[in-house]
Amino acid sequence: MLSQIRNLIKQADPEIVEDVKWRKPSNPAGVPAWSHDGFICTTETYKDHLKLTFPNGASLKDPTHLFNSNLESNSRRVIDIHEGEKIDEEAFKALIREAVAQNKASVRRK
């Protein structure tokens, strides 16, 4: 599932940068994180699901309701994808592109 998400993110924005954050003894592999002119999302893998956290997700349009967790937060939103579930690939890529556009707009305002 992580490789599929990684591919979709790169398809949405070939210039996006993947990095690894928060390496620690309990998680030596760290957490994959993506950015382009600012932070886009992180991905955490669990036994039965994948968690995509968008730190500024509350400000993104989500007409197809991909966000399914942390909906009460004023800033972040989460997409939990459980084993066997499929993600709407076009809607997901649109969400990534919107997050990148929002970051670029923020950089221009500075």
N, C-alpha and C. Protein backbone atom coordinates (compact mmCIF):
# COMPACT_ATOMS: atom_id res chain seq x y z
N MET A 1 0.83 -1.20 0.00
CA MET A 1 0.00 0.00 0.00
C MET A 1 0.88 1.26 0.00
N LEU A 2 1.95 1.25 0.80
CA LEU A 2 2.82 2.43 0.86
C LEU A 2 3.44 2.73 -0.50
N SER A 3 3.84 1.71 -1.24
CA SER A 3 4.43 1.96 -2.56
C SER A 3 3.38 2.53 -3.52
N GLN A 4 2.13 2.10 -3.41
CA GLN A 4 1.07 2.65 -4.24
C GLN A 4 0.86 4.13 -3.92
N ILE A 5 0.82 4.47 -2.63
CA ILE A 5 0.64 5.86 -2.22
C ILE A 5 1.82 6.70 -2.69
N ARG A 6 3.02 6.17 -2.53
CA ARG A 6 4.24 6.86 -2.97
C ARG A 6 4.14 7.16 -4.48
N ASN A 7 3.71 6.19 -5.26
CA ASN A 7 3.56 6.39 -6.71
C ASN A 7 2.51 7.46 -7.03
N LEU A 8 1.39 7.42 -6.34
CA LEU A 8 0.34 8.41 -6.58
C LEU A 8 0.82 9.82 -6.23
N ILE A 9 1.57 9.96 -5.15
CA ILE A 9 2.08 11.27 -4.76
C ILE A 9 3.02 11.79 -5.84
N LYS A 10 3.91 10.94 -6.33
CA LYS A 10 4.85 11.36 -7.38
C LYS A 10 4.13 11.66 -8.70
N GLN A 11 3.06 10.93 -8.99
CA GLN A 11 2.27 11.23 -10.19
C GLN A 11 1.59 12.59 -10.07
N ALA A 12 1.11 12.89 -8.87
CA ALA A 12 0.43 14.16 -8.64
C ALA A 12 1.38 15.33 -8.77
N ASP A 13 2.61 15.16 -8.31
CA ASP A 13 3.60 16.23 -8.35
C ASP A 13 5.00 15.62 -8.42
N PRO A 14 5.55 15.53 -9.62
CA PRO A 14 6.88 14.93 -9.79
C PRO A 14 7.99 15.68 -9.04
N GLU A 15 7.75 16.92 -8.65
CA GLU A 15 8.77 17.70 -7.95
C GLU A 15 8.69 17.56 -6.43
N ILE A 16 7.73 16.81 -5.95
CA ILE A 16 7.59 16.64 -4.51
C ILE A 16 8.82 15.89 -3.97
N VAL A 17 9.20 16.22 -2.76
CA VAL A 17 10.39 15.62 -2.14
C VAL A 17 9.95 14.69 -1.01
N GLU A 18 10.47 13.48 -1.04
CA GLU A 18 10.22 12.54 0.06
C GLU A 18 11.44 12.53 0.98
N ASP A 19 11.18 12.58 2.24
CA ASP A 19 12.23 12.58 3.26
C ASP A 19 11.78 11.64 4.37
N VAL A 20 12.68 11.33 5.27
CA VAL A 20 12.33 10.51 6.44
C VAL A 20 12.53 11.38 7.67
N LYS A 21 11.52 11.44 8.50
CA LYS A 21 11.54 12.25 9.73
C LYS A 21 11.40 11.35 10.94
N TRP A 22 11.74 11.90 12.07
CA TRP A 22 11.47 11.31 13.37
C TRP A 22 11.99 9.88 13.55
N ARG A 23 13.25 9.66 13.18
CA ARG A 23 13.88 8.36 13.48
C ARG A 23 14.15 8.30 14.98
N LYS A 24 13.84 7.17 15.58
CA LYS A 24 14.10 6.99 17.01
C LYS A 24 14.22 5.50 17.28
N PRO A 25 14.72 5.12 18.45
CA PRO A 25 14.92 3.69 18.73
C PRO A 25 13.67 2.84 18.54
N SER A 26 12.52 3.38 18.89
CA SER A 26 11.28 2.61 18.73
C SER A 26 10.79 2.57 17.29
N ASN A 27 11.35 3.44 16.44
CA ASN A 27 10.99 3.46 15.01
C ASN A 27 12.22 3.87 14.21
N PRO A 28 13.19 2.96 14.08
CA PRO A 28 14.46 3.31 13.43
C PRO A 28 14.31 3.67 11.95
N ALA A 29 13.25 3.18 11.30
CA ALA A 29 13.04 3.52 9.89
C ALA A 29 12.50 4.93 9.72
N GLY A 30 11.96 5.50 10.79
CA GLY A 30 11.40 6.85 10.71
C GLY A 30 10.05 6.87 10.01
N VAL A 31 9.61 8.07 9.69
CA VAL A 31 8.30 8.29 9.08
C VAL A 31 8.50 8.97 7.73
N PRO A 32 8.02 8.36 6.64
CA PRO A 32 8.11 9.04 5.35
C PRO A 32 7.30 10.33 5.38
N ALA A 33 7.90 11.40 4.86
CA ALA A 33 7.24 12.71 4.83
C ALA A 33 7.47 13.33 3.47
N TRP A 34 6.45 14.01 2.97
CA TRP A 34 6.54 14.65 1.66
C TRP A 34 6.37 16.15 1.78
N SER A 35 7.14 16.87 0.95
CA SER A 35 7.04 18.33 0.97
C SER A 35 7.28 18.90 -0.42
N HIS A 36 6.74 20.07 -0.64
CA HIS A 36 7.00 20.88 -1.83
C HIS A 36 6.60 22.30 -1.44
N ASP A 37 7.59 23.16 -1.29
CA ASP A 37 7.39 24.52 -0.79
C ASP A 37 6.70 24.51 0.57
N GLY A 38 6.90 23.46 1.32
CA GLY A 38 6.29 23.29 2.63
C GLY A 38 5.82 21.85 2.80
N PHE A 39 5.43 21.56 3.98
CA PHE A 39 5.01 20.21 4.37
C PHE A 39 3.69 19.83 3.69
N ILE A 40 3.60 18.60 3.18
CA ILE A 40 2.36 18.10 2.56
C ILE A 40 1.72 17.04 3.47
N CYS A 41 2.42 15.93 3.68
CA CYS A 41 1.85 14.86 4.50
C CYS A 41 2.93 13.90 4.99
N THR A 42 2.55 13.09 5.96
CA THR A 42 3.40 12.00 6.44
C THR A 42 2.61 10.70 6.30
N THR A 43 3.35 9.61 6.32
CA THR A 43 2.71 8.30 6.22
C THR A 43 3.26 7.40 7.31
N GLU A 44 2.37 6.79 8.05
CA GLU A 44 2.77 5.82 9.07
C GLU A 44 2.11 4.49 8.73
N THR A 45 2.88 3.43 8.83
CA THR A 45 2.33 2.11 8.56
C THR A 45 2.08 1.38 9.87
N TYR A 46 0.94 0.74 9.94
CA TYR A 46 0.55 -0.05 11.10
C TYR A 46 0.23 -1.47 10.62
N LYS A 47 -0.04 -2.34 11.54
CA LYS A 47 -0.28 -3.74 11.22
C LYS A 47 -1.40 -3.91 10.17
N ASP A 48 -2.49 -3.16 10.33
CA ASP A 48 -3.64 -3.37 9.46
C ASP A 48 -4.07 -2.14 8.67
N HIS A 49 -3.30 -1.04 8.77
CA HIS A 49 -3.68 0.13 7.99
C HIS A 49 -2.51 1.09 7.80
N LEU A 50 -2.73 2.02 6.90
CA LEU A 50 -1.79 3.08 6.58
C LEU A 50 -2.43 4.40 6.99
N LYS A 51 -1.67 5.26 7.64
CA LYS A 51 -2.20 6.55 8.10
C LYS A 51 -1.46 7.67 7.36
N LEU A 52 -2.21 8.45 6.61
CA LEU A 52 -1.68 9.63 5.92
C LEU A 52 -2.15 10.86 6.67
N THR A 53 -1.22 11.61 7.24
CA THR A 53 -1.55 12.79 8.02
C THR A 53 -1.16 14.04 7.25
N PHE A 54 -2.13 14.91 7.03
CA PHE A 54 -1.93 16.19 6.36
C PHE A 54 -2.01 17.27 7.44
N PRO A 55 -0.86 17.86 7.81
CA PRO A 55 -0.88 18.82 8.92
C PRO A 55 -1.76 20.04 8.68
N ASN A 56 -1.97 20.40 7.42
CA ASN A 56 -2.85 21.52 7.08
C ASN A 56 -4.10 21.06 6.35
N GLY A 57 -4.49 19.83 6.59
CA GLY A 57 -5.60 19.23 5.87
C GLY A 57 -6.94 19.91 6.06
N ALA A 58 -7.15 20.55 7.20
CA ALA A 58 -8.44 21.21 7.46
C ALA A 58 -8.69 22.35 6.48
N SER A 59 -7.63 22.88 5.90
CA SER A 59 -7.78 23.99 4.95
C SER A 59 -7.90 23.52 3.50
N LEU A 60 -7.85 22.21 3.27
CA LEU A 60 -7.96 21.66 1.92
C LEU A 60 -9.39 21.27 1.61
N LYS A 61 -9.77 21.45 0.36
CA LYS A 61 -11.08 20.99 -0.09
C LYS A 61 -11.03 19.48 -0.25
N ASP A 62 -12.04 18.80 0.21
CA ASP A 62 -12.10 17.34 0.15
C ASP A 62 -13.51 16.92 -0.31
N PRO A 63 -13.86 17.23 -1.56
CA PRO A 63 -15.23 16.96 -2.00
C PRO A 63 -15.59 15.48 -2.04
N THR A 64 -14.61 14.59 -2.15
CA THR A 64 -14.92 13.16 -2.19
C THR A 64 -14.76 12.49 -0.83
N HIS A 65 -14.48 13.29 0.20
CA HIS A 65 -14.40 12.81 1.58
C HIS A 65 -13.34 11.72 1.79
N LEU A 66 -12.14 11.98 1.28
CA LEU A 66 -11.02 11.07 1.53
C LEU A 66 -10.62 11.10 3.00
N PHE A 67 -10.66 12.30 3.61
CA PHE A 67 -10.31 12.40 5.02
C PHE A 67 -11.35 11.66 5.85
N ASN A 68 -10.89 10.74 6.69
CA ASN A 68 -11.83 9.96 7.48
C ASN A 68 -11.43 9.87 8.96
N SER A 69 -10.48 10.71 9.37
CA SER A 69 -10.06 10.72 10.76
C SER A 69 -9.55 12.11 11.11
N ASN A 70 -9.60 12.45 12.39
CA ASN A 70 -9.19 13.77 12.89
C ASN A 70 -10.05 14.88 12.27
N LEU A 71 -11.28 14.58 12.00
CA LEU A 71 -12.16 15.54 11.34
C LEU A 71 -12.53 16.71 12.24
N GLU A 72 -12.33 16.57 13.55
CA GLU A 72 -12.65 17.66 14.47
C GLU A 72 -11.48 18.63 14.67
N SER A 73 -10.32 18.29 14.16
CA SER A 73 -9.14 19.15 14.33
C SER A 73 -9.28 20.44 13.52
N ASN A 74 -8.73 21.51 14.06
CA ASN A 74 -8.75 22.79 13.35
C ASN A 74 -7.65 22.90 12.31
N SER A 75 -6.73 21.95 12.29
CA SER A 75 -5.63 22.05 11.33
C SER A 75 -5.41 20.75 10.56
N ARG A 76 -5.13 19.67 11.23
CA ARG A 76 -4.76 18.47 10.50
C ARG A 76 -5.96 17.58 10.17
N ARG A 77 -5.76 16.79 9.14
CA ARG A 77 -6.74 15.78 8.74
C ARG A 77 -5.97 14.51 8.41
N VAL A 78 -6.65 13.37 8.53
CA VAL A 78 -6.00 12.07 8.34
C VAL A 78 -6.84 11.23 7.38
N ILE A 79 -6.12 10.45 6.57
CA ILE A 79 -6.75 9.41 5.75
C ILE A 79 -6.21 8.09 6.26
N ASP A 80 -7.08 7.27 6.83
CA ASP A 80 -6.71 5.92 7.23
C ASP A 80 -7.15 4.98 6.12
N ILE A 81 -6.22 4.18 5.63
CA ILE A 81 -6.53 3.20 4.59
C ILE A 81 -6.27 1.82 5.19
N HIS A 82 -7.32 1.06 5.37
CA HIS A 82 -7.19 -0.27 5.97
C HIS A 82 -6.88 -1.30 4.89
N GLU A 83 -6.26 -2.37 5.31
CA GLU A 83 -5.88 -3.43 4.39
C GLU A 83 -7.08 -3.87 3.57
N GLY A 84 -6.89 -3.94 2.27
CA GLY A 84 -7.95 -4.36 1.36
C GLY A 84 -8.78 -3.20 0.81
N GLU A 85 -8.71 -2.03 1.44
CA GLU A 85 -9.44 -0.86 0.93
C GLU A 85 -8.71 -0.25 -0.26
N LYS A 86 -9.48 0.36 -1.12
CA LYS A 86 -8.91 1.08 -2.26
C LYS A 86 -9.13 2.56 -2.04
N ILE A 87 -8.21 3.35 -2.56
CA ILE A 87 -8.34 4.80 -2.48
C ILE A 87 -8.73 5.33 -3.86
N ASP A 88 -9.54 6.36 -3.88
CA ASP A 88 -9.89 7.02 -5.13
C ASP A 88 -8.63 7.75 -5.62
N GLU A 89 -7.93 7.15 -6.57
CA GLU A 89 -6.63 7.65 -6.99
C GLU A 89 -6.69 9.07 -7.54
N GLU A 90 -7.67 9.37 -8.36
CA GLU A 90 -7.76 10.72 -8.94
C GLU A 90 -8.05 11.76 -7.87
N ALA A 91 -8.94 11.43 -6.95
CA ALA A 91 -9.25 12.36 -5.85
C ALA A 91 -8.03 12.57 -4.96
N PHE A 92 -7.28 11.50 -4.72
CA PHE A 92 -6.09 11.61 -3.88
C PHE A 92 -5.04 12.50 -4.56
N LYS A 93 -4.82 12.29 -5.84
CA LYS A 93 -3.84 13.13 -6.56
C LYS A 93 -4.29 14.58 -6.57
N ALA A 94 -5.58 14.82 -6.71
CA ALA A 94 -6.09 16.20 -6.68
C ALA A 94 -5.84 16.83 -5.31
N LEU A 95 -5.99 16.05 -4.25
CA LEU A 95 -5.74 16.54 -2.89
C LEU A 95 -4.26 16.91 -2.72
N ILE A 96 -3.37 16.08 -3.23
CA ILE A 96 -1.94 16.38 -3.17
C ILE A 96 -1.64 17.66 -3.95
N ARG A 97 -2.19 17.78 -5.16
CA ARG A 97 -1.96 18.99 -5.97
C ARG A 97 -2.49 20.24 -5.28
N GLU A 98 -3.63 20.12 -4.61
CA GLU A 98 -4.17 21.27 -3.89
C GLU A 98 -3.27 21.66 -2.72
N ALA A 99 -2.74 20.68 -2.01
CA ALA A 99 -1.83 20.98 -0.90
C ALA A 99 -0.57 21.67 -1.40
N VAL A 100 -0.04 21.22 -2.53
CA VAL A 100 1.14 21.86 -3.12
C VAL A 100 0.80 23.29 -3.53
N ALA A 101 -0.33 23.49 -4.19
CA ALA A 101 -0.75 24.83 -4.62
C ALA A 101 -0.90 25.76 -3.42
N GLN A 102 -1.46 25.25 -2.34
CA GLN A 102 -1.62 26.04 -1.13
C GLN A 102 -0.25 26.44 -0.56
N ASN A 103 0.70 25.51 -0.56
CA ASN A 103 2.05 25.83 -0.09
C ASN A 103 2.69 26.89 -0.97
N LYS A 104 2.55 26.75 -2.29
CA LYS A 104 3.15 27.72 -3.21
C LYS A 104 2.54 29.10 -3.00
N ALA A 105 1.23 29.16 -2.80
CA ALA A 105 0.57 30.44 -2.55
C ALA A 105 1.08 31.09 -1.27
N SER A 106 1.30 30.25 -0.27
CA SER A 106 1.80 30.75 1.01
C SER A 106 3.22 31.31 0.84
N VAL A 107 4.05 30.65 0.07
CA VAL A 107 5.42 31.12 -0.18
C VAL A 107 5.39 32.44 -0.92
N ARG A 108 4.49 32.60 -1.88
CA ARG A 108 4.39 33.85 -2.66
C ARG A 108 3.97 35.01 -1.78
N ARG A 109 3.13 34.74 -0.77
CA ARG A 109 2.65 35.82 0.11
C ARG A 109 3.75 36.33 1.05
N LYS A 110 4.78 35.53 1.26
CA LYS A 110 5.83 35.93 2.23
C LYS A 110 6.78 36.95 1.64
